N, C-alpha and C. Protein backbone atom coordinates (compact mmCIF):
# COMPACT_ATOMS: atom_id res chain seq x y z
N UNK A 1 108.90 134.85 99.17
CA UNK A 1 107.89 135.79 99.67
C UNK A 1 107.59 135.48 101.13
N UNK A 2 107.44 136.54 101.91
CA UNK A 2 107.21 136.37 103.34
C UNK A 2 105.93 135.58 103.60
N UNK A 3 105.99 134.64 104.55
CA UNK A 3 104.82 133.85 104.93
C UNK A 3 104.56 132.68 104.01
N UNK A 4 105.36 132.50 102.98
CA UNK A 4 105.16 131.42 102.01
C UNK A 4 106.10 130.26 102.33
N UNK A 5 105.56 129.04 102.30
CA UNK A 5 106.40 127.88 102.60
C UNK A 5 107.46 127.72 101.51
N UNK A 6 108.69 127.55 101.92
CA UNK A 6 109.80 127.45 100.99
C UNK A 6 110.26 125.99 100.83
N UNK A 7 109.35 125.06 100.95
CA UNK A 7 109.70 123.66 100.79
C UNK A 7 108.53 122.91 100.19
N UNK A 8 108.79 121.72 99.70
CA UNK A 8 107.77 120.89 99.07
C UNK A 8 107.05 120.10 100.17
N UNK A 9 105.81 120.46 100.44
CA UNK A 9 105.05 119.84 101.52
C UNK A 9 104.84 118.34 101.26
N UNK A 10 104.54 118.00 100.02
CA UNK A 10 104.30 116.58 99.68
C UNK A 10 105.56 115.76 99.87
N UNK A 11 106.70 116.30 99.45
CA UNK A 11 107.97 115.59 99.63
C UNK A 11 108.28 115.41 101.11
N UNK A 12 108.02 116.44 101.90
CA UNK A 12 108.25 116.33 103.34
C UNK A 12 107.35 115.27 103.96
N UNK A 13 106.09 115.22 103.52
CA UNK A 13 105.17 114.21 104.04
C UNK A 13 105.62 112.81 103.64
N UNK A 14 106.13 112.68 102.44
CA UNK A 14 106.65 111.37 102.01
C UNK A 14 107.79 110.92 102.91
N UNK A 15 108.65 111.83 103.28
CA UNK A 15 109.77 111.47 104.15
C UNK A 15 109.29 111.11 105.55
N UNK A 16 108.31 111.84 106.05
CA UNK A 16 107.74 111.51 107.36
C UNK A 16 107.08 110.13 107.31
N UNK A 17 106.37 109.86 106.23
CA UNK A 17 105.72 108.56 106.06
C UNK A 17 106.75 107.44 106.13
N UNK A 18 107.90 107.64 105.51
CA UNK A 18 108.94 106.62 105.51
C UNK A 18 109.49 106.38 106.93
N UNK A 19 109.57 107.44 107.71
CA UNK A 19 110.05 107.29 109.09
C UNK A 19 109.07 106.44 109.89
N UNK A 20 107.79 106.75 109.80
CA UNK A 20 106.78 105.95 110.51
C UNK A 20 106.77 104.51 109.98
N UNK A 21 106.95 104.35 108.68
CA UNK A 21 106.95 103.04 108.04
C UNK A 21 108.12 102.20 108.53
N UNK A 22 109.26 102.83 108.62
CA UNK A 22 110.48 102.13 109.01
C UNK A 22 110.57 101.88 110.51
N UNK A 23 110.19 102.86 111.30
CA UNK A 23 110.41 102.79 112.74
C UNK A 23 109.16 102.45 113.55
N UNK A 24 107.99 102.70 112.97
CA UNK A 24 106.77 102.57 113.75
C UNK A 24 106.50 103.85 114.51
N UNK A 25 105.25 104.00 114.96
CA UNK A 25 104.86 105.25 115.62
C UNK A 25 105.70 105.55 116.85
N UNK A 26 105.87 104.56 117.72
CA UNK A 26 106.54 104.80 119.01
C UNK A 26 107.97 105.27 118.84
N UNK A 27 108.69 104.70 117.86
CA UNK A 27 110.11 105.02 117.68
C UNK A 27 110.36 106.13 116.67
N UNK A 28 109.30 106.68 116.12
CA UNK A 28 109.45 107.81 115.19
C UNK A 28 109.50 109.09 116.02
N UNK A 29 110.68 109.42 116.50
CA UNK A 29 110.82 110.60 117.36
C UNK A 29 110.67 111.87 116.54
N UNK A 30 110.36 112.96 117.23
CA UNK A 30 110.26 114.24 116.55
C UNK A 30 111.60 114.63 115.92
N UNK A 31 112.69 114.24 116.58
CA UNK A 31 114.01 114.51 116.02
C UNK A 31 114.22 113.79 114.71
N UNK A 32 113.81 112.51 114.66
CA UNK A 32 113.94 111.72 113.44
C UNK A 32 113.06 112.28 112.33
N UNK A 33 111.86 112.69 112.69
CA UNK A 33 110.93 113.25 111.71
C UNK A 33 111.46 114.58 111.17
N UNK A 34 111.99 115.41 112.07
CA UNK A 34 112.54 116.70 111.65
C UNK A 34 113.75 116.50 110.73
N UNK A 35 114.60 115.55 111.11
CA UNK A 35 115.79 115.28 110.30
C UNK A 35 115.42 114.76 108.91
N UNK A 36 114.46 113.85 108.85
CA UNK A 36 114.06 113.25 107.57
C UNK A 36 113.41 114.27 106.64
N UNK A 37 112.59 115.14 107.23
CA UNK A 37 111.88 116.12 106.40
C UNK A 37 112.70 117.37 106.12
N UNK A 38 113.76 117.57 106.89
CA UNK A 38 114.57 118.77 106.74
C UNK A 38 113.92 120.00 107.34
N UNK A 39 112.92 119.77 108.20
CA UNK A 39 112.20 120.89 108.81
C UNK A 39 112.54 121.01 110.29
N UNK A 40 112.56 122.22 110.77
CA UNK A 40 112.67 122.43 112.21
C UNK A 40 111.36 122.04 112.86
N UNK A 41 111.38 121.85 114.17
CA UNK A 41 110.16 121.42 114.85
C UNK A 41 109.02 122.42 114.70
N UNK A 42 109.38 123.71 114.69
CA UNK A 42 108.36 124.74 114.52
C UNK A 42 107.67 124.61 113.16
N UNK A 43 108.46 124.42 112.12
CA UNK A 43 107.89 124.26 110.78
C UNK A 43 107.10 122.96 110.66
N UNK A 44 107.61 121.92 111.34
CA UNK A 44 106.92 120.63 111.32
C UNK A 44 105.53 120.76 111.94
N UNK A 45 105.46 121.38 113.11
CA UNK A 45 104.18 121.58 113.78
C UNK A 45 103.28 122.53 112.98
N UNK A 46 103.89 123.59 112.47
CA UNK A 46 103.11 124.58 111.74
C UNK A 46 102.50 124.03 110.46
N UNK A 47 103.18 123.07 109.85
CA UNK A 47 102.70 122.52 108.58
C UNK A 47 101.76 121.35 108.78
N UNK A 48 102.10 120.45 109.70
CA UNK A 48 101.36 119.20 109.82
C UNK A 48 100.60 119.03 111.14
N UNK A 49 100.84 119.89 112.09
CA UNK A 49 100.25 119.70 113.41
C UNK A 49 101.18 118.87 114.27
N UNK A 50 100.66 118.26 115.33
CA UNK A 50 101.52 117.48 116.23
C UNK A 50 101.86 116.12 115.62
N UNK A 51 102.59 115.32 116.36
CA UNK A 51 103.04 114.02 115.86
C UNK A 51 101.88 113.13 115.47
N UNK A 52 100.81 113.15 116.25
CA UNK A 52 99.66 112.31 115.95
C UNK A 52 98.99 112.72 114.65
N UNK A 53 98.87 114.01 114.43
CA UNK A 53 98.28 114.50 113.19
C UNK A 53 99.16 114.13 112.00
N UNK A 54 100.48 114.24 112.17
CA UNK A 54 101.42 113.88 111.11
C UNK A 54 101.35 112.38 110.83
N UNK A 55 101.18 111.59 111.86
CA UNK A 55 101.05 110.13 111.69
C UNK A 55 99.82 109.80 110.85
N UNK A 56 98.69 110.43 111.16
CA UNK A 56 97.47 110.16 110.40
C UNK A 56 97.61 110.64 108.95
N UNK A 57 98.25 111.78 108.76
CA UNK A 57 98.48 112.27 107.39
C UNK A 57 99.39 111.31 106.63
N UNK A 58 100.37 110.73 107.33
CA UNK A 58 101.28 109.77 106.70
C UNK A 58 100.54 108.50 106.31
N UNK A 59 99.65 108.03 107.18
CA UNK A 59 98.83 106.87 106.85
C UNK A 59 97.99 107.14 105.61
N UNK A 60 97.39 108.32 105.55
CA UNK A 60 96.57 108.68 104.40
C UNK A 60 97.41 108.81 103.13
N UNK A 61 98.61 109.31 103.27
CA UNK A 61 99.51 109.42 102.13
C UNK A 61 99.88 108.03 101.62
N UNK A 62 100.13 107.11 102.54
CA UNK A 62 100.45 105.73 102.17
C UNK A 62 99.28 105.10 101.41
N UNK A 63 98.09 105.27 101.94
CA UNK A 63 96.90 104.71 101.30
C UNK A 63 96.65 105.38 99.95
N UNK A 64 96.91 106.68 99.88
CA UNK A 64 96.74 107.39 98.62
C UNK A 64 97.70 106.90 97.55
N UNK A 65 98.86 106.42 97.98
CA UNK A 65 99.86 105.91 97.04
C UNK A 65 99.56 104.47 96.64
N UNK A 66 99.33 103.60 97.62
CA UNK A 66 99.17 102.17 97.34
C UNK A 66 97.72 101.71 97.28
N UNK A 67 96.85 102.36 98.04
CA UNK A 67 95.45 101.94 98.03
C UNK A 67 94.82 102.06 96.66
N UNK A 68 95.18 103.10 95.92
CA UNK A 68 94.66 103.27 94.57
C UNK A 68 95.09 102.10 93.68
N UNK A 69 96.34 101.67 93.84
CA UNK A 69 96.84 100.55 93.05
C UNK A 69 96.08 99.27 93.39
N UNK A 70 95.82 99.06 94.68
CA UNK A 70 95.07 97.87 95.09
C UNK A 70 93.66 97.91 94.53
N UNK A 71 93.04 99.08 94.62
CA UNK A 71 91.67 99.23 94.14
C UNK A 71 91.58 98.95 92.64
N UNK A 72 92.54 99.48 91.88
CA UNK A 72 92.56 99.25 90.44
C UNK A 72 92.74 97.77 90.12
N UNK A 73 93.63 97.11 90.86
CA UNK A 73 93.87 95.69 90.62
C UNK A 73 92.62 94.86 90.92
N UNK A 74 91.97 95.16 92.03
CA UNK A 74 90.79 94.40 92.44
C UNK A 74 89.61 94.63 91.50
N UNK A 75 89.61 95.76 90.81
CA UNK A 75 88.51 96.07 89.88
C UNK A 75 88.85 95.73 88.43
N UNK A 76 90.05 95.18 88.22
CA UNK A 76 90.54 94.99 86.85
C UNK A 76 89.98 93.76 86.15
N UNK A 77 89.32 92.88 86.88
CA UNK A 77 88.79 91.65 86.26
C UNK A 77 87.35 91.41 86.70
N UNK A 78 86.43 92.26 86.26
CA UNK A 78 85.03 92.08 86.65
C UNK A 78 84.51 90.71 86.19
N UNK A 79 83.82 90.04 87.09
CA UNK A 79 83.29 88.72 86.77
C UNK A 79 84.27 87.58 87.01
N UNK A 80 85.52 87.92 87.36
CA UNK A 80 86.52 86.89 87.61
C UNK A 80 87.22 87.20 88.94
N UNK A 81 86.58 86.87 90.06
CA UNK A 81 87.13 87.24 91.37
C UNK A 81 88.50 86.64 91.66
N UNK A 82 88.75 85.43 91.18
CA UNK A 82 90.05 84.80 91.44
C UNK A 82 91.16 85.60 90.76
N UNK A 83 90.93 85.98 89.52
CA UNK A 83 91.95 86.77 88.81
C UNK A 83 92.13 88.14 89.48
N UNK A 84 91.05 88.70 89.99
CA UNK A 84 91.15 89.98 90.68
C UNK A 84 92.02 89.88 91.93
N UNK A 85 91.86 88.79 92.67
CA UNK A 85 92.68 88.59 93.87
C UNK A 85 94.13 88.35 93.48
N UNK A 86 94.35 87.63 92.40
CA UNK A 86 95.72 87.43 91.92
C UNK A 86 96.36 88.77 91.56
N UNK A 87 95.60 89.63 90.89
CA UNK A 87 96.12 90.95 90.52
C UNK A 87 96.43 91.79 91.76
N UNK A 88 95.57 91.68 92.75
CA UNK A 88 95.79 92.38 94.02
C UNK A 88 97.11 91.96 94.65
N UNK A 89 97.35 90.66 94.72
CA UNK A 89 98.58 90.18 95.33
C UNK A 89 99.81 90.50 94.47
N UNK A 90 99.62 90.62 93.15
CA UNK A 90 100.73 91.05 92.29
C UNK A 90 101.22 92.43 92.71
N UNK A 91 100.27 93.32 93.01
CA UNK A 91 100.62 94.67 93.44
C UNK A 91 101.29 94.63 94.81
N UNK A 92 100.76 93.80 95.70
CA UNK A 92 101.35 93.67 97.04
C UNK A 92 102.79 93.19 96.95
N UNK A 93 103.03 92.15 96.15
CA UNK A 93 104.38 91.60 96.03
C UNK A 93 105.33 92.59 95.35
N UNK A 94 104.82 93.38 94.42
CA UNK A 94 105.66 94.38 93.76
C UNK A 94 106.10 95.43 94.77
N UNK A 95 105.19 95.84 95.67
CA UNK A 95 105.57 96.81 96.70
C UNK A 95 106.61 96.21 97.64
N UNK A 96 106.41 94.96 98.03
CA UNK A 96 107.34 94.30 98.93
C UNK A 96 108.73 94.18 98.30
N UNK A 97 108.76 93.92 96.99
CA UNK A 97 110.04 93.72 96.30
C UNK A 97 110.75 95.02 95.95
N UNK A 98 110.06 96.15 96.11
CA UNK A 98 110.63 97.44 95.74
C UNK A 98 111.72 97.83 96.73
N UNK A 99 112.99 97.88 96.28
CA UNK A 99 114.07 98.20 97.22
C UNK A 99 114.11 99.67 97.65
N UNK A 100 113.32 100.50 97.01
CA UNK A 100 113.37 101.94 97.31
C UNK A 100 112.48 102.33 98.48
N UNK A 101 111.68 101.37 99.00
CA UNK A 101 110.79 101.68 100.12
C UNK A 101 111.12 100.77 101.30
N UNK A 102 110.74 101.16 102.52
CA UNK A 102 111.01 100.30 103.67
C UNK A 102 110.30 98.95 103.56
N UNK A 103 110.79 97.99 104.30
CA UNK A 103 110.19 96.65 104.29
C UNK A 103 108.83 96.68 104.97
N UNK A 104 107.99 95.74 104.59
CA UNK A 104 106.70 95.60 105.24
C UNK A 104 105.66 96.56 104.70
N UNK A 105 104.70 96.89 105.54
CA UNK A 105 103.56 97.73 105.16
C UNK A 105 103.26 98.67 106.33
N UNK A 106 103.09 99.94 106.04
CA UNK A 106 102.84 100.91 107.11
C UNK A 106 101.55 100.58 107.86
N UNK A 107 100.52 100.15 107.15
CA UNK A 107 99.25 99.84 107.82
C UNK A 107 99.41 98.63 108.73
N UNK A 108 100.06 97.58 108.22
CA UNK A 108 100.28 96.37 109.03
C UNK A 108 101.13 96.69 110.25
N UNK A 109 102.19 97.46 110.04
CA UNK A 109 103.09 97.82 111.13
C UNK A 109 102.34 98.62 112.19
N UNK A 110 101.48 99.52 111.73
CA UNK A 110 100.70 100.35 112.66
C UNK A 110 99.65 99.53 113.39
N UNK A 111 99.06 98.55 112.68
CA UNK A 111 98.05 97.69 113.31
C UNK A 111 98.66 96.87 114.44
N UNK A 112 99.88 96.41 114.24
CA UNK A 112 100.57 95.64 115.28
C UNK A 112 100.72 96.47 116.55
N UNK A 113 100.94 97.77 116.37
CA UNK A 113 101.16 98.65 117.52
C UNK A 113 99.89 99.36 117.97
N UNK A 114 98.74 98.93 117.46
CA UNK A 114 97.48 99.59 117.80
C UNK A 114 97.25 99.72 119.31
N UNK A 115 97.61 98.71 120.12
CA UNK A 115 97.35 98.82 121.57
C UNK A 115 98.06 100.00 122.24
N UNK A 116 99.16 100.48 121.65
CA UNK A 116 99.88 101.59 122.28
C UNK A 116 99.59 102.93 121.61
N UNK A 117 98.77 102.90 120.56
CA UNK A 117 98.43 104.14 119.88
C UNK A 117 97.32 104.88 120.63
N UNK A 118 97.28 106.17 120.46
CA UNK A 118 96.15 106.92 120.98
C UNK A 118 94.89 106.47 120.26
N UNK A 119 93.76 106.59 120.93
CA UNK A 119 92.52 106.03 120.38
C UNK A 119 92.21 106.56 118.99
N UNK A 120 92.42 107.83 118.76
CA UNK A 120 92.12 108.40 117.45
C UNK A 120 92.97 107.77 116.35
N UNK A 121 94.23 107.50 116.68
CA UNK A 121 95.12 106.86 115.71
C UNK A 121 94.74 105.40 115.48
N UNK A 122 94.41 104.72 116.57
CA UNK A 122 94.02 103.31 116.46
C UNK A 122 92.75 103.17 115.63
N UNK A 123 91.79 104.06 115.85
CA UNK A 123 90.54 104.04 115.08
C UNK A 123 90.83 104.31 113.61
N UNK A 124 91.78 105.20 113.33
CA UNK A 124 92.14 105.53 111.95
C UNK A 124 92.74 104.31 111.26
N UNK A 125 93.63 103.61 111.94
CA UNK A 125 94.23 102.40 111.37
C UNK A 125 93.15 101.35 111.08
N UNK A 126 92.24 101.17 112.04
CA UNK A 126 91.16 100.20 111.87
C UNK A 126 90.29 100.56 110.66
N UNK A 127 90.03 101.85 110.48
CA UNK A 127 89.21 102.29 109.35
C UNK A 127 89.90 101.99 108.03
N UNK A 128 91.21 102.14 107.99
CA UNK A 128 91.95 101.85 106.75
C UNK A 128 91.93 100.35 106.45
N UNK A 129 92.02 99.54 107.48
CA UNK A 129 91.90 98.09 107.29
C UNK A 129 90.49 97.73 106.81
N UNK A 130 89.49 98.41 107.35
CA UNK A 130 88.12 98.16 106.93
C UNK A 130 87.92 98.54 105.46
N UNK A 131 88.60 99.61 105.03
CA UNK A 131 88.52 100.01 103.63
C UNK A 131 89.12 98.94 102.73
N UNK A 132 90.25 98.40 103.15
CA UNK A 132 90.86 97.31 102.38
C UNK A 132 89.93 96.10 102.33
N UNK A 133 89.34 95.80 103.45
CA UNK A 133 88.41 94.67 103.51
C UNK A 133 87.23 94.89 102.56
N UNK A 134 86.69 96.10 102.53
CA UNK A 134 85.55 96.40 101.66
C UNK A 134 85.92 96.24 100.19
N UNK A 135 87.14 96.65 99.84
CA UNK A 135 87.58 96.52 98.45
C UNK A 135 87.70 95.05 98.04
N UNK A 136 88.28 94.25 98.92
CA UNK A 136 88.42 92.82 98.62
C UNK A 136 87.04 92.18 98.53
N UNK A 137 86.16 92.52 99.46
CA UNK A 137 84.81 91.93 99.46
C UNK A 137 84.08 92.27 98.17
N UNK A 138 84.24 93.50 97.68
CA UNK A 138 83.59 93.91 96.44
C UNK A 138 84.11 93.11 95.26
N UNK A 139 85.39 92.77 95.27
CA UNK A 139 85.97 92.00 94.17
C UNK A 139 85.44 90.57 94.13
N UNK A 140 85.00 90.07 95.28
CA UNK A 140 84.46 88.71 95.36
C UNK A 140 82.96 88.66 95.09
N UNK A 141 82.33 89.80 94.97
CA UNK A 141 80.86 89.86 94.94
C UNK A 141 80.25 89.16 93.74
N UNK A 142 81.00 89.02 92.64
CA UNK A 142 80.45 88.38 91.44
C UNK A 142 80.33 86.86 91.59
N UNK A 143 80.91 86.33 92.64
CA UNK A 143 80.84 84.89 92.85
C UNK A 143 79.42 84.47 93.24
N UNK A 144 79.12 83.20 92.95
CA UNK A 144 77.81 82.64 93.31
C UNK A 144 77.78 82.15 94.76
N UNK A 145 78.91 82.25 95.45
CA UNK A 145 78.99 81.75 96.82
C UNK A 145 78.11 82.57 97.75
N UNK A 146 77.72 81.97 98.85
CA UNK A 146 76.89 82.65 99.84
C UNK A 146 77.68 83.79 100.49
N UNK A 147 76.97 84.83 100.93
CA UNK A 147 77.64 85.97 101.59
C UNK A 147 78.55 85.55 102.74
N UNK A 148 78.13 84.56 103.53
CA UNK A 148 78.96 84.12 104.66
C UNK A 148 80.31 83.61 104.17
N UNK A 149 80.31 82.83 103.09
CA UNK A 149 81.56 82.30 102.53
C UNK A 149 82.44 83.44 102.03
N UNK A 150 81.82 84.41 101.37
CA UNK A 150 82.58 85.54 100.84
C UNK A 150 83.15 86.40 101.96
N UNK A 151 82.40 86.56 103.03
CA UNK A 151 82.90 87.31 104.19
C UNK A 151 84.12 86.62 104.80
N UNK A 152 84.04 85.30 104.92
CA UNK A 152 85.15 84.55 105.50
C UNK A 152 86.38 84.61 104.59
N UNK A 153 86.16 84.49 103.27
CA UNK A 153 87.28 84.59 102.33
C UNK A 153 87.92 85.98 102.38
N UNK A 154 87.10 86.98 102.52
CA UNK A 154 87.62 88.35 102.60
C UNK A 154 88.55 88.50 103.80
N UNK A 155 88.10 88.02 104.95
CA UNK A 155 88.94 88.08 106.16
C UNK A 155 90.24 87.32 105.94
N UNK A 156 90.15 86.17 105.31
CA UNK A 156 91.33 85.34 105.03
C UNK A 156 92.32 86.07 104.13
N UNK A 157 91.82 86.69 103.06
CA UNK A 157 92.70 87.38 102.12
C UNK A 157 93.38 88.58 102.78
N UNK A 158 92.63 89.35 103.54
CA UNK A 158 93.20 90.50 104.25
C UNK A 158 94.24 90.03 105.27
N UNK A 159 93.95 88.92 105.95
CA UNK A 159 94.89 88.38 106.93
C UNK A 159 96.19 87.94 106.26
N UNK A 160 96.08 87.29 105.11
CA UNK A 160 97.28 86.87 104.37
C UNK A 160 98.08 88.09 103.93
N UNK A 161 97.38 89.10 103.45
CA UNK A 161 98.06 90.31 103.01
C UNK A 161 98.87 90.94 104.15
N UNK A 162 98.26 91.05 105.32
CA UNK A 162 98.98 91.60 106.47
C UNK A 162 100.14 90.70 106.88
N UNK A 163 99.93 89.39 106.78
CA UNK A 163 101.00 88.44 107.13
C UNK A 163 102.19 88.57 106.18
N UNK A 164 101.92 88.80 104.90
CA UNK A 164 103.01 88.98 103.94
C UNK A 164 103.90 90.16 104.35
N UNK A 165 103.26 91.23 104.82
CA UNK A 165 104.02 92.41 105.25
C UNK A 165 104.92 92.08 106.43
N UNK A 166 104.37 91.33 107.39
CA UNK A 166 105.15 90.97 108.57
C UNK A 166 106.29 90.03 108.20
N UNK A 167 106.00 89.05 107.37
CA UNK A 167 107.03 88.08 106.94
C UNK A 167 108.13 88.77 106.16
N UNK A 168 107.77 89.69 105.29
CA UNK A 168 108.79 90.38 104.50
C UNK A 168 109.68 91.22 105.39
N UNK A 169 109.10 91.83 106.41
CA UNK A 169 109.88 92.64 107.35
C UNK A 169 110.86 91.77 108.13
N UNK A 170 110.49 90.49 108.32
CA UNK A 170 111.35 89.57 109.05
C UNK A 170 112.39 88.91 108.14
N UNK A 171 112.38 89.26 106.85
CA UNK A 171 113.41 88.76 105.95
C UNK A 171 113.03 87.54 105.15
N UNK A 172 111.76 87.17 105.12
CA UNK A 172 111.32 86.03 104.32
C UNK A 172 111.58 86.33 102.84
N UNK A 173 112.06 85.33 102.10
CA UNK A 173 112.44 85.55 100.71
C UNK A 173 111.23 85.80 99.83
N UNK A 174 111.47 86.45 98.70
CA UNK A 174 110.40 86.71 97.74
C UNK A 174 109.80 85.41 97.23
N UNK A 175 110.65 84.40 97.01
CA UNK A 175 110.15 83.11 96.52
C UNK A 175 109.18 82.48 97.52
N UNK A 176 109.50 82.58 98.79
CA UNK A 176 108.61 82.02 99.82
C UNK A 176 107.30 82.80 99.88
N UNK A 177 107.38 84.10 99.75
CA UNK A 177 106.17 84.92 99.77
C UNK A 177 105.29 84.60 98.57
N UNK A 178 105.90 84.39 97.43
CA UNK A 178 105.12 84.04 96.23
C UNK A 178 104.47 82.67 96.41
N UNK A 179 105.14 81.78 97.13
CA UNK A 179 104.54 80.48 97.43
C UNK A 179 103.29 80.63 98.29
N UNK A 180 103.36 81.52 99.27
CA UNK A 180 102.19 81.80 100.11
C UNK A 180 101.04 82.33 99.25
N UNK A 181 101.35 83.23 98.33
CA UNK A 181 100.32 83.82 97.47
C UNK A 181 99.71 82.77 96.55
N UNK A 182 100.53 81.89 95.99
CA UNK A 182 100.00 80.83 95.12
C UNK A 182 99.01 79.95 95.87
N UNK A 183 99.38 79.55 97.07
CA UNK A 183 98.48 78.71 97.87
C UNK A 183 97.21 79.46 98.25
N UNK A 184 97.36 80.74 98.56
CA UNK A 184 96.19 81.55 98.92
C UNK A 184 95.22 81.65 97.75
N UNK A 185 95.74 81.96 96.57
CA UNK A 185 94.87 82.09 95.39
C UNK A 185 94.23 80.75 95.03
N UNK A 186 94.97 79.66 95.21
CA UNK A 186 94.40 78.33 94.95
C UNK A 186 93.28 78.04 95.94
N UNK A 187 93.47 78.43 97.19
CA UNK A 187 92.44 78.23 98.20
C UNK A 187 91.19 79.04 97.89
N UNK A 188 91.40 80.28 97.45
CA UNK A 188 90.26 81.12 97.07
C UNK A 188 89.50 80.49 95.91
N UNK A 189 90.23 80.04 94.89
CA UNK A 189 89.59 79.43 93.72
C UNK A 189 88.83 78.17 94.11
N UNK A 190 89.44 77.31 94.91
CA UNK A 190 88.79 76.06 95.33
C UNK A 190 87.55 76.34 96.16
N UNK A 191 87.66 77.31 97.06
CA UNK A 191 86.53 77.63 97.94
C UNK A 191 85.35 78.17 97.13
N UNK A 192 85.61 79.06 96.18
CA UNK A 192 84.55 79.62 95.36
C UNK A 192 83.92 78.56 94.46
N UNK A 193 84.76 77.69 93.91
CA UNK A 193 84.24 76.62 93.05
C UNK A 193 83.36 75.66 93.84
N UNK A 194 83.82 75.29 95.01
CA UNK A 194 83.04 74.37 95.85
C UNK A 194 81.73 75.01 96.30
N UNK A 195 81.81 76.27 96.65
CA UNK A 195 80.61 76.98 97.10
C UNK A 195 79.59 77.09 95.97
N UNK A 196 80.08 77.31 94.75
CA UNK A 196 79.17 77.39 93.61
C UNK A 196 78.49 76.06 93.35
N UNK A 197 79.23 74.95 93.49
CA UNK A 197 78.64 73.61 93.27
C UNK A 197 77.59 73.29 94.32
N UNK A 198 77.80 73.80 95.53
CA UNK A 198 76.90 73.48 96.62
C UNK A 198 75.65 74.34 96.64
N UNK A 199 75.63 75.39 95.80
CA UNK A 199 74.44 76.22 95.74
C UNK A 199 73.26 75.40 95.20
N UNK A 200 72.10 75.52 95.78
CA UNK A 200 70.94 74.80 95.26
C UNK A 200 70.61 75.25 93.85
N UNK A 201 70.18 74.32 93.03
CA UNK A 201 69.85 74.65 91.64
C UNK A 201 68.76 75.70 91.60
N UNK A 202 68.93 76.69 90.75
CA UNK A 202 67.93 77.75 90.65
C UNK A 202 66.80 77.33 89.71
N UNK A 203 65.63 77.75 90.07
CA UNK A 203 64.47 77.41 89.25
C UNK A 203 64.54 78.12 87.90
C-alpha cells in the first residue's frame, strides 16, 4: 500500500544498533548503517531521523534488550544483595559469551567516546549509566551498611561491569573475566559483612 513502510522497523533498528556497537559512533558511517539495515539514506532518515537520533534510538534499543535482564537479575533475590549482584554478573557474562552479538557493551563503548559525542548524545549515555547505577544501588539497599558504603560499592560494581566490556572487547578470555567477577562478588560480600559488624548495636 502506498505510503506504508515495506520493511521491519525493529529489525532495521537492531541492525543499526549492531553497527554502532561494533564500530562506535564515529566509525558508524551512514553508508555502513544503510548497508546493514538495507535502507536507502532517504528511508533511513525518514524512519529514524538523522544519525544522532538513530544512535540514541539504538542505545535505547540496547537498554530495552539487556537492561530488562539486568533489572530482573538485580531484583531476583530480595534481602540477599550479594546473590543479586552475582545474578547481575551472570547476565553480563552471558551477554559477553554470546557469539551472535558484537564484543563488549554498546553503553561502555559509547561512554569511552563520550568526549567526541554531541552533547545530547553524551548526556543520553550518562543517563543510561545513571540508570544502571540506580538499579545496582537498589539491589544493595537491604544491607545494614551505611549509605556511604553502599554508594561506594555501587560505583565499584558499575565500574567493574564497564571494565568487563572493555576487557572482553580486547580479547580477554571468559575464564579470566569470571575470575574478575568472583573477586568482585567476594569483595562485595566482605564489605557488606564488615560494614554490618561495624554498625552500632541498635537499642
